[in-house]
């Protein structure tokens, strides 16, 4: 895997957003931490990432416990700019990722909350739980979101296991 990561770093500028996100996801899934590969992502390339690419990259960072503040800020800024395009899974995953890294990015959390509330009917029980957990973990009180999650959870309670 080291040689694969080294080869990827040398050609990272040619990667499409999906290719980088997939590689980061694969390394994280294998529990293989290669910080130079993750650091090779430049903030400027994030502008071309789709919501799922941003969410998957944040998830990869969190799974590897890779807390690189400048890149997390850049991912958050790119996410805020595209938050209306995020689906329920992207919103929940991004919230979970930042909370896992104990990263409180208030503009991102506000944007996630604002975007999640009207989409809560699309959240499965795992996404509801992850979102509530994320906001609680970083102690970011967004009463409107938490009230809406609570109401949605009461309706979906029979789906919880």
C-alpha atoms as a PDB file:
ATOM      1  CA  UNK A   1       0.000   0.000   0.000  1.00  0.00           C
ATOM      2  CA  UNK A   2       2.925   2.355   0.578  1.00  0.00           C
ATOM      3  CA  UNK A   3       3.960   2.089  -3.063  1.00  0.00           C
ATOM      4  CA  UNK A   4       0.366   2.660  -4.209  1.00  0.00           C
ATOM      5  CA  UNK A   5       0.132   5.753  -2.014  1.00  0.00           C
ATOM      6  CA  UNK A   6       3.470   7.054  -3.291  1.00  0.00           C
ATOM      7  CA  UNK A   7       2.366   6.581  -6.892  1.00  0.00           C
ATOM      8  CA  UNK A   8      -0.913   8.335  -6.148  1.00  0.00           C
ATOM      9  CA  UNK A   9       0.847  11.296  -4.541  1.00  0.00           C
ATOM     10  CA  UNK A  10       3.043  11.783  -7.606  1.00  0.00           C
ATOM     11  CA  UNK A  11      -0.014  11.986  -9.883  1.00  0.00           C
ATOM     12  CA  UNK A  12      -2.595  13.464  -7.495  1.00  0.00           C
ATOM     13  CA  UNK A  13      -2.982  16.625  -9.567  1.00  0.00           C
ATOM     14  CA  UNK A  14      -4.427  14.469 -12.361  1.00  0.00           C
ATOM     15  CA  UNK A  15      -7.022  12.791 -10.132  1.00  0.00           C
ATOM     16  CA  UNK A  16     -10.676  13.562 -10.578  1.00  0.00           C
ATOM     17  CA  UNK A  17     -12.586  14.355  -7.392  1.00  0.00           C
ATOM     18  CA  UNK A  18     -14.275  10.952  -7.369  1.00  0.00           C
ATOM     19  CA  UNK A  19     -10.917   9.194  -7.775  1.00  0.00           C
ATOM     20  CA  UNK A  20      -9.390  10.991  -4.799  1.00  0.00           C
ATOM     21  CA  UNK A  21     -12.467  10.411  -2.632  1.00  0.00           C
ATOM     22  CA  UNK A  22     -12.517   6.717  -3.591  1.00  0.00           C
ATOM     23  CA  UNK A  23      -8.843   6.276  -2.797  1.00  0.00           C
ATOM     24  CA  UNK A  24      -9.169   8.025   0.563  1.00  0.00           C
ATOM     25  CA  UNK A  25     -12.246   5.882   1.317  1.00  0.00           C
ATOM     26  CA  UNK A  26     -10.407   2.663   0.370  1.00  0.00           C
ATOM     27  CA  UNK A  27      -7.391   3.450   2.543  1.00  0.00           C
ATOM     28  CA  UNK A  28      -9.660   4.374   5.474  1.00  0.00           C
ATOM     29  CA  UNK A  29     -11.737   1.213   5.012  1.00  0.00           C
ATOM     30  CA  UNK A  30      -8.527  -0.799   5.225  1.00  0.00           C
ATOM     31  CA  UNK A  31      -7.598   1.155   8.372  1.00  0.00           C
ATOM     32  CA  UNK A  32      -4.427   2.185   6.591  1.00  0.00           C
ATOM     33  CA  UNK A  33      -3.288   5.636   7.618  1.00  0.00           C
ATOM     34  CA  UNK A  34      -1.132   7.327   5.040  1.00  0.00           C
ATOM     35  CA  UNK A  35      -1.045  10.967   6.112  1.00  0.00           C
ATOM     36  CA  UNK A  36       1.123  12.184   3.205  1.00  0.00           C
ATOM     37  CA  UNK A  37      -1.552  10.932   0.789  1.00  0.00           C
ATOM     38  CA  UNK A  38      -4.313  12.733   2.676  1.00  0.00           C
ATOM     39  CA  UNK A  39      -2.165  15.859   2.955  1.00  0.00           C
ATOM     40  CA  UNK A  40      -1.661  15.825  -0.812  1.00  0.00           C
ATOM     41  CA  UNK A  41      -5.224  16.990  -1.287  1.00  0.00           C
ATOM     42  CA  UNK A  42      -5.075  20.701  -1.953  1.00  0.00           C
ATOM     43  CA  UNK A  43      -7.750  23.088  -0.793  1.00  0.00           C
ATOM     44  CA  UNK A  44      -8.117  24.466  -4.310  1.00  0.00           C
ATOM     45  CA  UNK A  45      -9.104  21.083  -5.720  1.00  0.00           C
ATOM     46  CA  UNK A  46     -12.055  20.814  -3.329  1.00  0.00           C
ATOM     47  CA  UNK A  47     -14.091  23.289  -5.376  1.00  0.00           C
ATOM     48  CA  UNK A  48     -14.685  20.581  -7.973  1.00  0.00           C
ATOM     49  CA  UNK A  49     -15.792  17.983  -5.427  1.00  0.00           C
ATOM     50  CA  UNK A  50     -19.432  16.950  -5.427  1.00  0.00           C
ATOM     51  CA  UNK A  51     -21.242  16.645  -2.096  1.00  0.00           C
ATOM     52  CA  UNK A  52     -20.654  12.888  -1.893  1.00  0.00           C
ATOM     53  CA  UNK A  53     -16.932  13.389  -2.613  1.00  0.00           C
ATOM     54  CA  UNK A  54     -16.710  15.942   0.206  1.00  0.00           C
ATOM     55  CA  UNK A  55     -18.647  13.735   2.632  1.00  0.00           C
ATOM     56  CA  UNK A  56     -16.604  10.641   1.759  1.00  0.00           C
ATOM     57  CA  UNK A  57     -13.327  12.523   2.099  1.00  0.00           C
ATOM     58  CA  UNK A  58     -14.382  13.885   5.495  1.00  0.00           C
ATOM     59  CA  UNK A  59     -15.426  10.347   6.516  1.00  0.00           C
ATOM     60  CA  UNK A  60     -12.020   9.035   5.416  1.00  0.00           C
ATOM     61  CA  UNK A  61     -10.223  11.664   7.481  1.00  0.00           C
ATOM     62  CA  UNK A  62     -12.360  10.822  10.520  1.00  0.00           C
ATOM     63  CA  UNK A  63     -11.961   7.078  10.112  1.00  0.00           C
ATOM     64  CA  UNK A  64      -8.184   7.533  10.001  1.00  0.00           C
ATOM     65  CA  UNK A  65      -8.379  10.053  12.872  1.00  0.00           C
ATOM     66  CA  UNK A  66      -6.535  12.463  10.595  1.00  0.00           C
ATOM     67  CA  UNK A  67      -7.245  15.914  11.974  1.00  0.00           C
ATOM     68  CA  UNK A  68      -5.566  18.310   9.564  1.00  0.00           C
ATOM     69  CA  UNK A  69      -7.168  21.645  10.421  1.00  0.00           C
ATOM     70  CA  UNK A  70      -6.429  23.529   7.169  1.00  0.00           C
ATOM     71  CA  UNK A  71      -7.878  20.722   5.048  1.00  0.00           C
ATOM     72  CA  UNK A  72     -10.856  20.267   7.375  1.00  0.00           C
ATOM     73  CA  UNK A  73     -11.531  24.017   7.098  1.00  0.00           C
ATOM     74  CA  UNK A  74     -11.272  23.787   3.310  1.00  0.00           C
ATOM     75  CA  UNK A  75     -13.622  20.783   3.156  1.00  0.00           C
ATOM     76  CA  UNK A  76     -16.064  22.613   5.451  1.00  0.00           C
ATOM     77  CA  UNK A  77     -15.969  25.755   3.306  1.00  0.00           C
ATOM     78  CA  UNK A  78     -16.559  23.753   0.131  1.00  0.00           C
ATOM     79  CA  UNK A  79     -19.376  21.864   1.850  1.00  0.00           C
ATOM     80  CA  UNK A  80     -21.070  25.046   3.065  1.00  0.00           C
ATOM     81  CA  UNK A  81     -21.041  26.379  -0.502  1.00  0.00           C
ATOM     82  CA  UNK A  82     -22.766  23.211  -1.774  1.00  0.00           C
ATOM     83  CA  UNK A  83     -24.847  22.283   1.273  1.00  0.00           C
ATOM     84  CA  UNK A  84     -28.138  22.559  -0.603  1.00  0.00           C
ATOM     85  CA  UNK A  85     -26.976  19.723  -2.859  1.00  0.00           C
ATOM     86  CA  UNK A  86     -26.163  17.366   0.044  1.00  0.00           C
ATOM     87  CA  UNK A  87     -28.514  14.442   0.528  1.00  0.00           C
ATOM     88  CA  UNK A  88     -29.381  12.990   3.931  1.00  0.00           C
ATOM     89  CA  UNK A  89     -26.457  10.555   3.898  1.00  0.00           C
ATOM     90  CA  UNK A  90     -23.961  13.288   2.961  1.00  0.00           C
ATOM     91  CA  UNK A  91     -25.265  15.553   5.744  1.00  0.00           C
ATOM     92  CA  UNK A  92     -25.205  12.849   8.422  1.00  0.00           C
ATOM     93  CA  UNK A  93     -21.800  11.538   7.343  1.00  0.00           C
ATOM     94  CA  UNK A  94     -20.237  14.985   7.309  1.00  0.00           C
ATOM     95  CA  UNK A  95     -21.643  15.826  10.738  1.00  0.00           C
ATOM     96  CA  UNK A  96     -20.413  12.462  12.092  1.00  0.00           C
ATOM     97  CA  UNK A  97     -16.962  12.993  10.586  1.00  0.00           C
ATOM     98  CA  UNK A  98     -16.389  16.420  12.119  1.00  0.00           C
ATOM     99  CA  UNK A  99     -17.707  15.272  15.496  1.00  0.00           C
ATOM    100  CA  UNK A 100     -15.463  12.196  15.422  1.00  0.00           C
ATOM    101  CA  UNK A 101     -12.497  14.509  14.926  1.00  0.00           C
ATOM    102  CA  UNK A 102     -13.807  16.862  17.649  1.00  0.00           C
ATOM    103  CA  UNK A 103     -13.773  19.617  15.043  1.00  0.00           C
ATOM    104  CA  UNK A 104     -16.359  22.315  15.750  1.00  0.00           C
ATOM    105  CA  UNK A 105     -16.793  24.281  12.546  1.00  0.00           C
ATOM    106  CA  UNK A 106     -19.774  26.484  13.384  1.00  0.00           C
ATOM    107  CA  UNK A 107     -20.617  27.656   9.844  1.00  0.00           C
ATOM    108  CA  UNK A 108     -20.618  24.029   8.672  1.00  0.00           C
ATOM    109  CA  UNK A 109     -22.756  22.830  11.587  1.00  0.00           C
ATOM    110  CA  UNK A 110     -25.225  25.684  11.053  1.00  0.00           C
ATOM    111  CA  UNK A 111     -25.406  24.847   7.350  1.00  0.00           C
ATOM    112  CA  UNK A 112     -25.881  21.126   8.038  1.00  0.00           C
ATOM    113  CA  UNK A 113     -28.690  21.912  10.477  1.00  0.00           C
ATOM    114  CA  UNK A 114     -30.442  24.302   8.096  1.00  0.00           C
ATOM    115  CA  UNK A 115     -30.202  21.844   5.222  1.00  0.00           C
ATOM    116  CA  UNK A 116     -31.108  18.773   7.284  1.00  0.00           C
ATOM    117  CA  UNK A 117     -34.324  20.068   8.861  1.00  0.00           C
ATOM    118  CA  UNK A 118     -36.426  20.113   5.674  1.00  0.00           C
ATOM    119  CA  UNK A 119     -34.903  16.785   4.574  1.00  0.00           C
ATOM    120  CA  UNK A 120     -35.384  14.803   7.801  1.00  0.00           C
ATOM    121  CA  UNK A 121     -38.093  12.651   6.219  1.00  0.00           C
ATOM    122  CA  UNK A 122     -35.332  11.324   3.931  1.00  0.00           C
ATOM    123  CA  UNK A 123     -33.067  10.383   6.861  1.00  0.00           C
ATOM    124  CA  UNK A 124     -32.990   6.726   7.830  1.00  0.00           C
ATOM    125  CA  UNK A 125     -32.710   5.879  11.503  1.00  0.00           C
ATOM    126  CA  UNK A 126     -28.914   5.586  11.333  1.00  0.00           C
ATOM    127  CA  UNK A 127     -28.606   9.040   9.764  1.00  0.00           C
ATOM    128  CA  UNK A 128     -30.930  10.504  12.414  1.00  0.00           C
ATOM    129  CA  UNK A 129     -28.908   8.909  15.194  1.00  0.00           C
ATOM    130  CA  UNK A 130     -25.558   9.928  13.693  1.00  0.00           C
ATOM    131  CA  UNK A 131     -26.651  13.519  13.237  1.00  0.00           C
ATOM    132  CA  UNK A 132     -28.002  13.809  16.778  1.00  0.00           C
ATOM    133  CA  UNK A 133     -24.852  12.129  18.126  1.00  0.00           C
ATOM    134  CA  UNK A 134     -22.607  14.486  16.159  1.00  0.00           C
ATOM    135  CA  UNK A 135     -24.237  17.667  17.438  1.00  0.00           C
ATOM    136  CA  UNK A 136     -24.285  16.313  21.008  1.00  0.00           C
ATOM    137  CA  UNK A 137     -20.665  15.163  20.840  1.00  0.00           C
ATOM    138  CA  UNK A 138     -19.336  18.579  19.881  1.00  0.00           C
ATOM    139  CA  UNK A 139     -21.850  20.239  22.222  1.00  0.00           C
ATOM    140  CA  UNK A 140     -23.276  22.348  19.423  1.00  0.00           C
ATOM    141  CA  UNK A 141     -26.784  23.118  20.569  1.00  0.00           C
ATOM    142  CA  UNK A 142     -29.092  23.696  17.637  1.00  0.00           C
ATOM    143  CA  UNK A 143     -32.490  23.411  19.272  1.00  0.00           C
ATOM    144  CA  UNK A 144     -34.500  23.589  16.051  1.00  0.00           C
ATOM    145  CA  UNK A 145     -32.565  20.687  14.551  1.00  0.00           C
ATOM    146  CA  UNK A 146     -32.646  18.599  17.706  1.00  0.00           C
ATOM    147  CA  UNK A 147     -36.396  19.192  18.134  1.00  0.00           C
ATOM    148  CA  UNK A 148     -36.963  18.181  14.510  1.00  0.00           C
ATOM    149  CA  UNK A 149     -34.808  15.046  14.903  1.00  0.00           C
ATOM    150  CA  UNK A 150     -36.713  14.159  18.060  1.00  0.00           C
ATOM    151  CA  UNK A 151     -40.066  14.541  16.284  1.00  0.00           C
ATOM    152  CA  UNK A 152     -38.849  12.494  13.321  1.00  0.00           C
ATOM    153  CA  UNK A 153     -37.413   9.804  15.614  1.00  0.00           C
ATOM    154  CA  UNK A 154     -40.747   9.454  17.423  1.00  0.00           C
ATOM    155  CA  UNK A 155     -42.390   8.711  14.073  1.00  0.00           C
ATOM    156  CA  UNK A 156     -39.613   6.297  13.036  1.00  0.00           C
ATOM    157  CA  UNK A 157     -39.113   4.626  16.424  1.00  0.00           C
ATOM    158  CA  UNK A 158     -40.405   1.269  15.216  1.00  0.00           C
ATOM    159  CA  UNK A 159     -37.505   1.137  12.717  1.00  0.00           C
ATOM    160  CA  UNK A 160     -34.826   1.466  15.395  1.00  0.00           C
ATOM    161  CA  UNK A 161     -33.067  -1.718  16.453  1.00  0.00           C
END
